[in-house]
Amino acid sequence: MTIVFGALTIITGDPMWVQIKVTIFNAMFALFLFVGLWFNHNFFEYVFGKTFHYTKQGWNTFTRSFAWFFVMTAILNEVVRLTFHDTQVYNVFGHEMSGVNIWIVFKIAIIMPMSGLYAWLLTRWMQRHHLPIPDEDGGTATLAAAAATAQPIPEHIKRPAAHGADPGN
């Protein structure tokens, strides 16, 4: 996708192609995440499930939240692309910039930090969805607490039982 839209940008001399690629990619990834949830195939759980151990509700919330984030970034990308035209010069904080330069600054100075901050905040929020594990006294602890105390993670937590099965068996 990057090569095709990059080539179209070079061939036509119109930066709209590389700008719209971002919108299309974000919208398609959001759709991919939503469809995965619809068919009960959670992409993030599949990719990160062996590293991070969350409840099904936690994985679904995480994925749904990121899907909506990608929808929002696609919309914001289009708002900036359509608002600031490449043929016009704008004065931004004392600097003259074309529309495509404003778009580049928007991507680097707003979208990139916002994405990192959002991922960090969402990951922190996901701590409440950690699967519990039994501790030495028969109580439960989170996986984070187990990792902090170097406790082994029980097999039923590493590989949860099938739907409807009792995880204690």
C-alpha atoms as a PDB file:
ATOM      1  CA  MET A   1       0.000   0.000   0.000  1.00  0.00           C
ATOM      2  CA  THR A   2       2.822   2.395   0.864  1.00  0.00           C
ATOM      3  CA  ILE A   3       4.665   1.667  -2.374  1.00  0.00           C
ATOM      4  CA  VAL A   4       1.538   2.093  -4.523  1.00  0.00           C
ATOM      5  CA  PHE A   5       0.444   5.358  -2.909  1.00  0.00           C
ATOM      6  CA  GLY A   6       4.028   6.641  -2.762  1.00  0.00           C
ATOM      7  CA  ALA A   7       4.415   5.893  -6.480  1.00  0.00           C
ATOM      8  CA  LEU A   8       1.124   7.670  -7.245  1.00  0.00           C
ATOM      9  CA  THR A   9       2.387  10.691  -5.284  1.00  0.00           C
ATOM     10  CA  ILE A  10       5.632  10.769  -7.296  1.00  0.00           C
ATOM     11  CA  ILE A  11       3.974  10.140 -10.673  1.00  0.00           C
ATOM     12  CA  THR A  12       1.206  12.719 -10.225  1.00  0.00           C
ATOM     13  CA  GLY A  13       3.180  15.179  -8.080  1.00  0.00           C
ATOM     14  CA  ASP A  14       0.148  15.307  -5.768  1.00  0.00           C
ATOM     15  CA  PRO A  15       0.821  14.651  -2.046  1.00  0.00           C
ATOM     16  CA  MET A  16      -2.862  13.811  -1.589  1.00  0.00           C
ATOM     17  CA  TRP A  17      -2.050  10.164  -2.402  1.00  0.00           C
ATOM     18  CA  VAL A  18       0.358   9.677   0.481  1.00  0.00           C
ATOM     19  CA  GLN A  19      -1.953  11.622   2.796  1.00  0.00           C
ATOM     20  CA  ILE A  20      -5.043   9.584   1.903  1.00  0.00           C
ATOM     21  CA  LYS A  21      -3.095   6.335   2.329  1.00  0.00           C
ATOM     22  CA  VAL A  22      -2.957   7.058   6.064  1.00  0.00           C
ATOM     23  CA  THR A  23      -6.730   7.515   6.188  1.00  0.00           C
ATOM     24  CA  ILE A  24      -7.340   4.308   4.239  1.00  0.00           C
ATOM     25  CA  PHE A  25      -4.895   2.302   6.367  1.00  0.00           C
ATOM     26  CA  ASN A  26      -6.355   3.556   9.665  1.00  0.00           C
ATOM     27  CA  ALA A  27      -9.926   2.933   8.507  1.00  0.00           C
ATOM     28  CA  MET A  28      -9.074  -0.550   7.215  1.00  0.00           C
ATOM     29  CA  PHE A  29      -7.267  -1.499  10.429  1.00  0.00           C
ATOM     30  CA  ALA A  30     -10.213  -0.270  12.508  1.00  0.00           C
ATOM     31  CA  LEU A  31     -12.553  -2.334  10.317  1.00  0.00           C
ATOM     32  CA  PHE A  32     -10.243  -5.351  10.697  1.00  0.00           C
ATOM     33  CA  LEU A  33     -10.371  -5.011  14.493  1.00  0.00           C
ATOM     34  CA  PHE A  34     -14.171  -4.567  14.577  1.00  0.00           C
ATOM     35  CA  VAL A  35     -14.746  -7.554  12.252  1.00  0.00           C
ATOM     36  CA  GLY A  36     -12.408  -9.661  14.385  1.00  0.00           C
ATOM     37  CA  LEU A  37     -14.463  -8.809  17.456  1.00  0.00           C
ATOM     38  CA  TRP A  38     -17.679  -9.570  15.553  1.00  0.00           C
ATOM     39  CA  PHE A  39     -16.384 -13.066  14.697  1.00  0.00           C
ATOM     40  CA  ASN A  40     -14.870 -13.567  18.173  1.00  0.00           C
ATOM     41  CA  HIS A  41     -11.296 -13.517  16.827  1.00  0.00           C
ATOM     42  CA  ASN A  42      -9.526 -10.843  18.844  1.00  0.00           C
ATOM     43  CA  PHE A  43      -6.400  -9.699  16.993  1.00  0.00           C
ATOM     44  CA  PHE A  44      -4.572  -8.265  20.010  1.00  0.00           C
ATOM     45  CA  GLU A  45      -5.335 -11.323  22.131  1.00  0.00           C
ATOM     46  CA  TYR A  46      -3.971 -13.530  19.347  1.00  0.00           C
ATOM     47  CA  VAL A  47      -0.780 -11.478  18.976  1.00  0.00           C
ATOM     48  CA  PHE A  48      -0.092 -10.612  22.621  1.00  0.00           C
ATOM     49  CA  GLY A  49      -2.033 -13.297  24.530  1.00  0.00           C
ATOM     50  CA  LYS A  50       1.035 -15.361  25.429  1.00  0.00           C
ATOM     51  CA  THR A  51       2.799 -12.318  26.865  1.00  0.00           C
ATOM     52  CA  PHE A  52      -0.064 -10.458  28.543  1.00  0.00           C
ATOM     53  CA  HIS A  53      -2.767 -12.359  30.400  1.00  0.00           C
ATOM     54  CA  TYR A  54      -6.075 -10.509  30.487  1.00  0.00           C
ATOM     55  CA  THR A  55      -9.692 -11.504  30.767  1.00  0.00           C
ATOM     56  CA  LYS A  56     -11.733 -11.906  27.595  1.00  0.00           C
ATOM     57  CA  GLN A  57     -13.607  -8.714  28.499  1.00  0.00           C
ATOM     58  CA  GLY A  58     -10.275  -6.917  28.923  1.00  0.00           C
ATOM     59  CA  TRP A  59      -8.984  -8.015  25.503  1.00  0.00           C
ATOM     60  CA  ASN A  60     -12.268  -7.042  23.855  1.00  0.00           C
ATOM     61  CA  THR A  61     -12.289  -3.631  25.545  1.00  0.00           C
ATOM     62  CA  PHE A  62      -8.664  -3.043  24.564  1.00  0.00           C
ATOM     63  CA  THR A  63      -9.319  -4.007  20.942  1.00  0.00           C
ATOM     64  CA  ARG A  64     -12.572  -2.056  20.653  1.00  0.00           C
ATOM     65  CA  SER A  65     -10.876   1.002  22.144  1.00  0.00           C
ATOM     66  CA  PHE A  66      -8.004   0.814  19.662  1.00  0.00           C
ATOM     67  CA  ALA A  67     -10.431   0.296  16.781  1.00  0.00           C
ATOM     68  CA  TRP A  68     -12.235   3.511  17.733  1.00  0.00           C
ATOM     69  CA  PHE A  69      -8.860   5.235  18.119  1.00  0.00           C
ATOM     70  CA  PHE A  70      -7.986   4.293  14.532  1.00  0.00           C
ATOM     71  CA  VAL A  71     -11.381   5.586  13.346  1.00  0.00           C
ATOM     72  CA  MET A  72     -10.664   8.866  15.134  1.00  0.00           C
ATOM     73  CA  THR A  73      -7.170   9.191  13.629  1.00  0.00           C
ATOM     74  CA  ALA A  74      -8.569   8.483  10.151  1.00  0.00           C
ATOM     75  CA  ILE A  75     -11.140  11.252  10.612  1.00  0.00           C
ATOM     76  CA  LEU A  76      -8.557  13.688  12.005  1.00  0.00           C
ATOM     77  CA  ASN A  77      -6.222  12.893   9.107  1.00  0.00           C
ATOM     78  CA  GLU A  78      -8.969  13.765   6.634  1.00  0.00           C
ATOM     79  CA  VAL A  79      -9.895  16.945   8.516  1.00  0.00           C
ATOM     80  CA  VAL A  80      -6.299  18.202   8.345  1.00  0.00           C
ATOM     81  CA  ARG A  81      -5.832  17.029   4.732  1.00  0.00           C
ATOM     82  CA  LEU A  82      -9.020  18.733   3.536  1.00  0.00           C
ATOM     83  CA  THR A  83      -8.646  21.894   5.649  1.00  0.00           C
ATOM     84  CA  PHE A  84      -5.085  22.840   4.688  1.00  0.00           C
ATOM     85  CA  HIS A  85      -4.535  22.912   0.917  1.00  0.00           C
ATOM     86  CA  ASP A  86      -1.072  22.357  -0.548  1.00  0.00           C
ATOM     87  CA  THR A  87      -1.483  25.279  -2.958  1.00  0.00           C
ATOM     88  CA  GLN A  88      -1.924  27.770  -0.125  1.00  0.00           C
ATOM     89  CA  VAL A  89       0.656  29.102   2.347  1.00  0.00           C
ATOM     90  CA  TYR A  90      -0.328  29.313   6.024  1.00  0.00           C
ATOM     91  CA  ASN A  91       1.352  31.169   8.869  1.00  0.00           C
ATOM     92  CA  VAL A  92       1.739  28.747  11.785  1.00  0.00           C
ATOM     93  CA  PHE A  93       3.468  30.149  14.871  1.00  0.00           C
ATOM     94  CA  GLY A  94       5.439  32.565  12.704  1.00  0.00           C
ATOM     95  CA  HIS A  95       6.436  29.960  10.111  1.00  0.00           C
ATOM     96  CA  GLU A  96       5.105  29.894   6.570  1.00  0.00           C
ATOM     97  CA  MET A  97       3.974  26.384   5.705  1.00  0.00           C
ATOM     98  CA  SER A  98       2.119  24.706   2.868  1.00  0.00           C
ATOM     99  CA  GLY A  99      -0.812  22.403   3.572  1.00  0.00           C
ATOM    100  CA  VAL A 100       1.301  19.268   3.198  1.00  0.00           C
ATOM    101  CA  ASN A 101       3.870  20.658   5.654  1.00  0.00           C
ATOM    102  CA  ILE A 102       1.097  21.327   8.162  1.00  0.00           C
ATOM    103  CA  TRP A 103      -0.082  17.740   7.613  1.00  0.00           C
ATOM    104  CA  ILE A 104       3.444  16.419   8.269  1.00  0.00           C
ATOM    105  CA  VAL A 105       3.782  18.480  11.458  1.00  0.00           C
ATOM    106  CA  PHE A 106       0.320  17.282  12.519  1.00  0.00           C
ATOM    107  CA  LYS A 107       1.383  13.638  12.036  1.00  0.00           C
ATOM    108  CA  ILE A 108       4.708  14.070  13.867  1.00  0.00           C
ATOM    109  CA  ALA A 109       3.824  16.535  16.623  1.00  0.00           C
ATOM    110  CA  ILE A 110       0.236  15.500  17.391  1.00  0.00           C
ATOM    111  CA  ILE A 111      -0.677  12.029  16.120  1.00  0.00           C
ATOM    112  CA  MET A 112       2.571  10.252  17.051  1.00  0.00           C
ATOM    113  CA  PRO A 113       2.715  11.500  20.668  1.00  0.00           C
ATOM    114  CA  MET A 114      -1.046  11.088  21.057  1.00  0.00           C
ATOM    115  CA  SER A 115      -0.765   7.460  19.855  1.00  0.00           C
ATOM    116  CA  GLY A 116       2.034   6.680  22.283  1.00  0.00           C
ATOM    117  CA  LEU A 117       0.254   8.343  25.191  1.00  0.00           C
ATOM    118  CA  TYR A 118      -3.014   6.585  24.344  1.00  0.00           C
ATOM    119  CA  ALA A 119      -1.318   3.169  24.147  1.00  0.00           C
ATOM    120  CA  TRP A 120       0.443   3.791  27.463  1.00  0.00           C
ATOM    121  CA  LEU A 121      -2.755   4.951  29.213  1.00  0.00           C
ATOM    122  CA  LEU A 122      -4.776   2.056  27.813  1.00  0.00           C
ATOM    123  CA  THR A 123      -2.095  -0.436  28.865  1.00  0.00           C
ATOM    124  CA  ARG A 124      -2.139   1.020  32.393  1.00  0.00           C
ATOM    125  CA  TRP A 125      -5.932   0.836  32.428  1.00  0.00           C
ATOM    126  CA  MET A 126      -5.743  -2.831  31.387  1.00  0.00           C
ATOM    127  CA  GLN A 127      -4.085  -3.725  34.701  1.00  0.00           C
ATOM    128  CA  ARG A 128      -7.578  -4.132  36.151  1.00  0.00           C
ATOM    129  CA  HIS A 129      -8.215  -6.947  33.659  1.00  0.00           C
ATOM    130  CA  HIS A 130      -5.236  -9.134  34.596  1.00  0.00           C
ATOM    131  CA  LEU A 131      -6.189 -12.739  35.223  1.00  0.00           C
ATOM    132  CA  PRO A 132      -5.815 -13.736  38.873  1.00  0.00           C
ATOM    133  CA  ILE A 133      -3.359 -16.464  39.833  1.00  0.00           C
ATOM    134  CA  PRO A 134      -3.189 -18.403  43.089  1.00  0.00           C
ATOM    135  CA  ASP A 135      -0.471 -17.345  45.520  1.00  0.00           C
ATOM    136  CA  GLU A 136       1.299 -19.514  48.101  1.00  0.00           C
ATOM    137  CA  ASP A 137      -1.412 -18.947  50.731  1.00  0.00           C
ATOM    138  CA  GLY A 138      -4.234 -20.082  48.461  1.00  0.00           C
ATOM    139  CA  GLY A 139      -5.339 -16.518  47.708  1.00  0.00           C
ATOM    140  CA  THR A 140      -5.046 -14.875  44.333  1.00  0.00           C
ATOM    141  CA  ALA A 141      -2.702 -12.310  42.912  1.00  0.00           C
ATOM    142  CA  THR A 142      -2.405 -10.609  39.574  1.00  0.00           C
ATOM    143  CA  LEU A 143       0.139 -11.725  37.022  1.00  0.00           C
ATOM    144  CA  ALA A 144       1.980  -8.450  37.597  1.00  0.00           C
ATOM    145  CA  ALA A 145       2.320  -9.280  41.298  1.00  0.00           C
ATOM    146  CA  ALA A 146       3.455 -12.809  40.449  1.00  0.00           C
ATOM    147  CA  ALA A 147       6.075 -11.443  38.079  1.00  0.00           C
ATOM    148  CA  ALA A 148       7.286  -8.994  40.720  1.00  0.00           C
ATOM    149  CA  THR A 149       7.761 -11.837  43.224  1.00  0.00           C
ATOM    150  CA  ALA A 150       9.099 -14.286  40.602  1.00  0.00           C
ATOM    151  CA  GLN A 151       6.254 -16.756  41.242  1.00  0.00           C
ATOM    152  CA  PRO A 152       5.694 -19.305  38.480  1.00  0.00           C
ATOM    153  CA  ILE A 153       2.515 -18.842  36.467  1.00  0.00           C
ATOM    154  CA  PRO A 154       0.231 -21.911  36.772  1.00  0.00           C
ATOM    155  CA  GLU A 155      -0.563 -23.850  33.607  1.00  0.00           C
ATOM    156  CA  HIS A 156      -4.312 -23.097  33.733  1.00  0.00           C
ATOM    157  CA  ILE A 157      -3.452 -19.378  33.577  1.00  0.00           C
ATOM    158  CA  LYS A 158      -0.954 -19.803  30.745  1.00  0.00           C
ATOM    159  CA  ARG A 159      -3.451 -21.766  28.685  1.00  0.00           C
ATOM    160  CA  PRO A 160      -7.027 -21.039  29.864  1.00  0.00           C
ATOM    161  CA  ALA A 161      -9.518 -23.902  29.636  1.00  0.00           C
ATOM    162  CA  ALA A 162     -12.017 -24.122  26.770  1.00  0.00           C
ATOM    163  CA  HIS A 163     -15.252 -22.118  26.957  1.00  0.00           C
ATOM    164  CA  GLY A 164     -17.511 -23.341  29.733  1.00  0.00           C
ATOM    165  CA  ALA A 165     -14.883 -25.626  31.269  1.00  0.00           C
ATOM    166  CA  ASP A 166     -13.885 -25.267  34.911  1.00  0.00           C
ATOM    167  CA  PRO A 167     -10.344 -23.785  34.983  1.00  0.00           C
ATOM    168  CA  GLY A 168      -9.647 -25.587  38.252  1.00  0.00           C
ATOM    169  CA  ASN A 169      -9.794 -29.055  36.635  1.00  0.00           C
END
